[in-house]
């Protein structure tokens, strides 16, 4: 776990909405969140179980996307080239975070 990222997320609850978009299966994702006490930090999650097409296809983003918001208000933080391509395909900014 990247403790700086977790601290940022914890410290900015209410200021930003945080989501998880993962290619992991739903049970795996829920287990990871539970084991690390992260369940309450995210507004919503999308897993590989929830989509027909995995990243870099943007389907997962559109399951999280609030159409009343501007895409410029979204930032994808990821740790792979696949995440970067998913952000590009979704039309949102990307920040690489080494985990």
N, C-alpha and C. Protein backbone atom coordinates (compact mmCIF):
# COMPACT_ATOMS: atom_id res chain seq x y z
N UNK A 1 0.83 -1.19 0.00
CA UNK A 1 0.00 0.00 0.00
C UNK A 1 0.87 1.25 0.00
N UNK A 2 0.47 2.22 -0.75
CA UNK A 2 1.15 3.50 -0.76
C UNK A 2 0.53 4.36 0.34
N UNK A 3 1.27 4.54 1.43
CA UNK A 3 0.73 5.24 2.59
C UNK A 3 0.47 6.72 2.33
N UNK A 4 1.28 7.34 1.48
CA UNK A 4 1.03 8.74 1.14
C UNK A 4 -0.30 8.90 0.42
N UNK A 5 -0.57 8.00 -0.52
CA UNK A 5 -1.84 8.06 -1.26
C UNK A 5 -3.02 7.82 -0.32
N UNK A 6 -2.89 6.84 0.56
CA UNK A 6 -3.98 6.55 1.50
C UNK A 6 -4.20 7.72 2.45
N UNK A 7 -3.13 8.35 2.88
CA UNK A 7 -3.25 9.52 3.76
C UNK A 7 -3.96 10.66 3.03
N UNK A 8 -3.60 10.86 1.75
CA UNK A 8 -4.25 11.90 0.96
C UNK A 8 -5.75 11.63 0.84
N UNK A 9 -6.11 10.39 0.53
CA UNK A 9 -7.52 10.03 0.38
C UNK A 9 -8.26 10.22 1.71
N UNK A 10 -7.68 9.74 2.79
CA UNK A 10 -8.31 9.88 4.11
C UNK A 10 -8.48 11.33 4.51
N UNK A 11 -7.47 12.14 4.22
CA UNK A 11 -7.49 13.55 4.63
C UNK A 11 -8.41 14.42 3.78
N UNK A 12 -8.80 13.92 2.63
CA UNK A 12 -9.60 14.73 1.71
C UNK A 12 -11.00 14.21 1.48
N UNK A 13 -11.48 13.37 2.39
CA UNK A 13 -12.86 12.92 2.32
C UNK A 13 -13.76 14.15 2.46
N UNK A 14 -14.77 14.26 1.64
CA UNK A 14 -15.66 15.41 1.67
C UNK A 14 -15.22 16.51 0.72
N UNK A 15 -13.94 16.59 0.44
CA UNK A 15 -13.44 17.58 -0.51
C UNK A 15 -13.47 17.02 -1.93
N UNK A 16 -13.15 15.74 -2.05
CA UNK A 16 -13.15 15.05 -3.34
C UNK A 16 -13.94 13.75 -3.22
N UNK A 17 -14.40 13.25 -4.34
CA UNK A 17 -14.98 11.92 -4.39
C UNK A 17 -13.91 10.97 -4.91
N UNK A 18 -13.77 9.84 -4.25
CA UNK A 18 -12.78 8.85 -4.64
C UNK A 18 -13.50 7.57 -5.06
N UNK A 19 -12.99 6.96 -6.12
CA UNK A 19 -13.57 5.74 -6.68
C UNK A 19 -12.46 4.73 -6.91
N UNK A 20 -12.85 3.47 -7.03
CA UNK A 20 -11.91 2.42 -7.43
C UNK A 20 -12.42 1.81 -8.72
N UNK A 21 -11.53 1.71 -9.69
CA UNK A 21 -11.82 1.04 -10.96
C UNK A 21 -10.72 0.01 -11.15
N UNK A 22 -11.07 -1.25 -11.01
CA UNK A 22 -10.08 -2.32 -11.02
C UNK A 22 -10.50 -3.43 -11.97
N UNK A 23 -9.52 -4.06 -12.59
CA UNK A 23 -9.80 -5.24 -13.41
C UNK A 23 -9.91 -6.51 -12.56
N UNK A 24 -9.60 -6.41 -11.26
CA UNK A 24 -9.77 -7.55 -10.36
C UNK A 24 -11.24 -7.93 -10.26
N UNK A 25 -11.48 -9.18 -9.93
CA UNK A 25 -12.85 -9.64 -9.73
C UNK A 25 -13.43 -8.99 -8.47
N UNK A 26 -14.76 -8.87 -8.39
CA UNK A 26 -15.45 -8.21 -7.28
C UNK A 26 -15.02 -8.78 -5.93
N UNK A 27 -14.98 -10.11 -5.80
CA UNK A 27 -14.63 -10.71 -4.51
C UNK A 27 -13.20 -10.35 -4.10
N UNK A 28 -12.28 -10.33 -5.05
CA UNK A 28 -10.89 -9.96 -4.76
C UNK A 28 -10.80 -8.51 -4.34
N UNK A 29 -11.46 -7.63 -5.07
CA UNK A 29 -11.44 -6.20 -4.75
C UNK A 29 -12.02 -5.95 -3.36
N UNK A 30 -13.16 -6.55 -3.06
CA UNK A 30 -13.78 -6.35 -1.75
C UNK A 30 -12.88 -6.88 -0.62
N UNK A 31 -12.22 -7.99 -0.87
CA UNK A 31 -11.31 -8.56 0.12
C UNK A 31 -10.14 -7.61 0.39
N UNK A 32 -9.56 -7.05 -0.66
CA UNK A 32 -8.44 -6.11 -0.51
C UNK A 32 -8.88 -4.88 0.27
N UNK A 33 -10.03 -4.33 -0.09
CA UNK A 33 -10.52 -3.13 0.61
C UNK A 33 -10.80 -3.43 2.08
N UNK A 34 -11.41 -4.56 2.35
CA UNK A 34 -11.74 -4.93 3.73
C UNK A 34 -10.49 -5.18 4.56
N UNK A 35 -9.54 -5.94 4.02
CA UNK A 35 -8.31 -6.27 4.75
C UNK A 35 -7.50 -5.03 5.10
N UNK A 36 -7.63 -3.98 4.31
CA UNK A 36 -6.86 -2.75 4.52
C UNK A 36 -7.70 -1.61 5.10
N UNK A 37 -8.91 -1.94 5.57
CA UNK A 37 -9.82 -0.96 6.18
C UNK A 37 -10.07 0.23 5.26
N UNK A 38 -10.34 -0.06 3.99
CA UNK A 38 -10.55 1.00 3.00
C UNK A 38 -12.00 1.09 2.52
N UNK A 39 -12.87 0.27 3.06
CA UNK A 39 -14.25 0.20 2.58
C UNK A 39 -14.97 1.54 2.54
N UNK A 40 -14.74 2.37 3.52
CA UNK A 40 -15.50 3.61 3.64
C UNK A 40 -14.86 4.81 2.95
N UNK A 41 -13.74 4.60 2.27
CA UNK A 41 -13.04 5.73 1.66
C UNK A 41 -13.49 6.03 0.24
N UNK A 42 -14.24 5.13 -0.37
CA UNK A 42 -14.57 5.28 -1.79
C UNK A 42 -16.07 5.39 -1.99
N UNK A 43 -16.45 6.34 -2.84
CA UNK A 43 -17.87 6.57 -3.13
C UNK A 43 -18.47 5.37 -3.86
N UNK A 44 -17.68 4.78 -4.75
CA UNK A 44 -18.16 3.64 -5.53
C UNK A 44 -16.97 2.86 -6.06
N UNK A 45 -17.21 1.61 -6.41
CA UNK A 45 -16.16 0.78 -7.00
C UNK A 45 -16.71 0.05 -8.22
N UNK A 46 -15.82 -0.19 -9.17
CA UNK A 46 -16.14 -1.00 -10.34
C UNK A 46 -15.05 -2.04 -10.46
N UNK A 47 -15.46 -3.29 -10.62
CA UNK A 47 -14.50 -4.39 -10.73
C UNK A 47 -14.63 -5.05 -12.10
N UNK A 48 -13.73 -5.98 -12.35
CA UNK A 48 -13.79 -6.74 -13.59
C UNK A 48 -15.07 -7.55 -13.72
N UNK A 49 -15.68 -7.87 -12.60
CA UNK A 49 -16.95 -8.60 -12.60
C UNK A 49 -18.09 -7.73 -13.12
N UNK A 50 -17.95 -6.42 -12.97
CA UNK A 50 -19.03 -5.48 -13.29
C UNK A 50 -19.06 -5.04 -14.75
N UNK A 51 -18.03 -5.36 -15.50
CA UNK A 51 -17.93 -4.87 -16.87
C UNK A 51 -17.78 -6.03 -17.86
N UNK A 52 -18.12 -5.75 -19.10
CA UNK A 52 -17.91 -6.73 -20.17
C UNK A 52 -16.49 -6.62 -20.71
N UNK A 53 -15.97 -5.39 -20.73
CA UNK A 53 -14.65 -5.12 -21.29
C UNK A 53 -13.74 -4.52 -20.23
N UNK A 54 -12.56 -5.09 -20.05
CA UNK A 54 -11.60 -4.61 -19.07
C UNK A 54 -10.86 -3.38 -19.57
N UNK A 55 -10.18 -2.70 -18.63
CA UNK A 55 -9.28 -1.61 -19.03
C UNK A 55 -8.28 -2.17 -20.03
N UNK A 56 -7.96 -1.45 -21.06
CA UNK A 56 -8.10 -0.01 -21.23
C UNK A 56 -9.42 0.46 -21.84
N UNK A 57 -10.39 -0.44 -22.02
CA UNK A 57 -11.70 0.01 -22.49
C UNK A 57 -12.31 0.92 -21.42
N UNK A 58 -12.98 2.00 -21.80
CA UNK A 58 -13.50 2.96 -20.83
C UNK A 58 -14.81 2.56 -20.14
N UNK A 59 -15.32 1.36 -20.38
CA UNK A 59 -16.61 0.98 -19.79
C UNK A 59 -16.63 1.17 -18.28
N UNK A 60 -15.57 0.80 -17.59
CA UNK A 60 -15.52 0.95 -16.13
C UNK A 60 -15.64 2.39 -15.70
N UNK A 61 -14.98 3.29 -16.42
CA UNK A 61 -15.08 4.71 -16.09
C UNK A 61 -16.52 5.19 -16.22
N UNK A 62 -17.18 4.80 -17.28
CA UNK A 62 -18.55 5.27 -17.50
C UNK A 62 -19.54 4.71 -16.48
N UNK A 63 -19.18 3.64 -15.80
CA UNK A 63 -20.01 3.14 -14.71
C UNK A 63 -19.84 4.01 -13.45
N UNK A 64 -18.72 4.71 -13.36
CA UNK A 64 -18.46 5.60 -12.22
C UNK A 64 -18.80 7.06 -12.51
N UNK A 65 -18.77 7.42 -13.76
CA UNK A 65 -18.88 8.81 -14.20
C UNK A 65 -20.24 9.40 -13.87
N UNK A 66 -20.22 10.54 -13.22
CA UNK A 66 -21.43 11.32 -12.92
C UNK A 66 -21.58 12.34 -14.04
N UNK A 67 -22.59 12.16 -14.88
CA UNK A 67 -22.74 13.00 -16.07
C UNK A 67 -23.02 14.46 -15.74
N UNK A 68 -23.34 14.76 -14.49
CA UNK A 68 -23.52 16.17 -14.12
C UNK A 68 -22.17 16.84 -13.86
N UNK A 69 -21.09 16.06 -13.85
CA UNK A 69 -19.74 16.57 -13.64
C UNK A 69 -19.01 16.68 -14.97
N UNK A 70 -18.04 17.56 -15.02
CA UNK A 70 -17.18 17.70 -16.18
C UNK A 70 -16.07 16.66 -16.10
N UNK A 71 -15.72 16.06 -17.22
CA UNK A 71 -14.62 15.09 -17.22
C UNK A 71 -13.32 15.71 -16.75
N UNK A 72 -13.18 17.02 -16.89
CA UNK A 72 -11.96 17.70 -16.43
C UNK A 72 -11.83 17.62 -14.91
N UNK A 73 -12.92 17.28 -14.22
CA UNK A 73 -12.89 17.16 -12.77
C UNK A 73 -12.43 15.78 -12.30
N UNK A 74 -12.13 14.90 -13.24
CA UNK A 74 -11.70 13.54 -12.91
C UNK A 74 -10.21 13.39 -13.16
N UNK A 75 -9.56 12.66 -12.28
CA UNK A 75 -8.15 12.32 -12.42
C UNK A 75 -8.00 10.85 -12.09
N UNK A 76 -7.44 10.11 -13.01
CA UNK A 76 -7.18 8.69 -12.75
C UNK A 76 -5.76 8.56 -12.25
N UNK A 77 -5.63 7.90 -11.11
CA UNK A 77 -4.31 7.61 -10.54
C UNK A 77 -4.10 6.12 -10.71
N UNK A 78 -3.04 5.75 -11.39
CA UNK A 78 -2.80 4.35 -11.67
C UNK A 78 -1.34 4.00 -11.63
N UNK A 79 -1.08 2.70 -11.83
CA UNK A 79 0.30 2.22 -11.72
C UNK A 79 0.73 1.41 -12.93
N UNK A 80 0.03 1.58 -14.06
CA UNK A 80 0.40 0.77 -15.23
C UNK A 80 0.10 1.51 -16.53
N UNK A 81 0.71 1.02 -17.58
CA UNK A 81 0.45 1.56 -18.91
C UNK A 81 -1.02 1.32 -19.29
N UNK A 82 -1.57 0.21 -18.84
CA UNK A 82 -2.97 -0.11 -19.09
C UNK A 82 -3.89 0.94 -18.45
N UNK A 83 -3.55 1.38 -17.24
CA UNK A 83 -4.33 2.43 -16.58
C UNK A 83 -4.24 3.74 -17.36
N UNK A 84 -3.04 4.05 -17.83
CA UNK A 84 -2.84 5.27 -18.61
C UNK A 84 -3.69 5.25 -19.87
N UNK A 85 -3.70 4.12 -20.56
CA UNK A 85 -4.50 3.99 -21.78
C UNK A 85 -5.99 4.07 -21.46
N UNK A 86 -6.40 3.51 -20.33
CA UNK A 86 -7.81 3.58 -19.93
C UNK A 86 -8.22 5.03 -19.68
N UNK A 87 -7.35 5.80 -19.05
CA UNK A 87 -7.64 7.22 -18.82
C UNK A 87 -7.75 7.96 -20.14
N UNK A 88 -6.81 7.71 -21.04
CA UNK A 88 -6.85 8.34 -22.36
C UNK A 88 -8.13 7.99 -23.09
N UNK A 89 -8.50 6.71 -23.06
CA UNK A 89 -9.72 6.27 -23.75
C UNK A 89 -10.98 6.83 -23.12
N UNK A 90 -10.89 7.21 -21.84
CA UNK A 90 -12.03 7.79 -21.13
C UNK A 90 -12.08 9.31 -21.27
N UNK A 91 -10.99 9.89 -21.76
CA UNK A 91 -10.93 11.34 -21.92
C UNK A 91 -10.66 12.08 -20.63
N UNK A 92 -9.92 11.43 -19.70
CA UNK A 92 -9.61 12.07 -18.42
C UNK A 92 -8.09 12.10 -18.21
N UNK A 93 -7.66 12.95 -17.29
CA UNK A 93 -6.24 13.07 -16.98
C UNK A 93 -5.76 11.85 -16.21
N UNK A 94 -4.45 11.64 -16.24
CA UNK A 94 -3.84 10.47 -15.61
C UNK A 94 -2.60 10.88 -14.83
N UNK A 95 -2.42 10.28 -13.67
CA UNK A 95 -1.23 10.47 -12.86
C UNK A 95 -0.68 9.10 -12.51
N UNK A 96 0.58 8.87 -12.86
CA UNK A 96 1.23 7.61 -12.52
C UNK A 96 1.66 7.64 -11.07
N UNK A 97 1.35 6.58 -10.34
CA UNK A 97 1.76 6.45 -8.95
C UNK A 97 2.45 5.11 -8.78
N UNK A 98 3.73 5.16 -8.46
CA UNK A 98 4.48 3.92 -8.23
C UNK A 98 4.04 3.31 -6.90
N UNK A 99 3.59 2.07 -6.96
CA UNK A 99 3.10 1.41 -5.74
C UNK A 99 4.09 0.35 -5.32
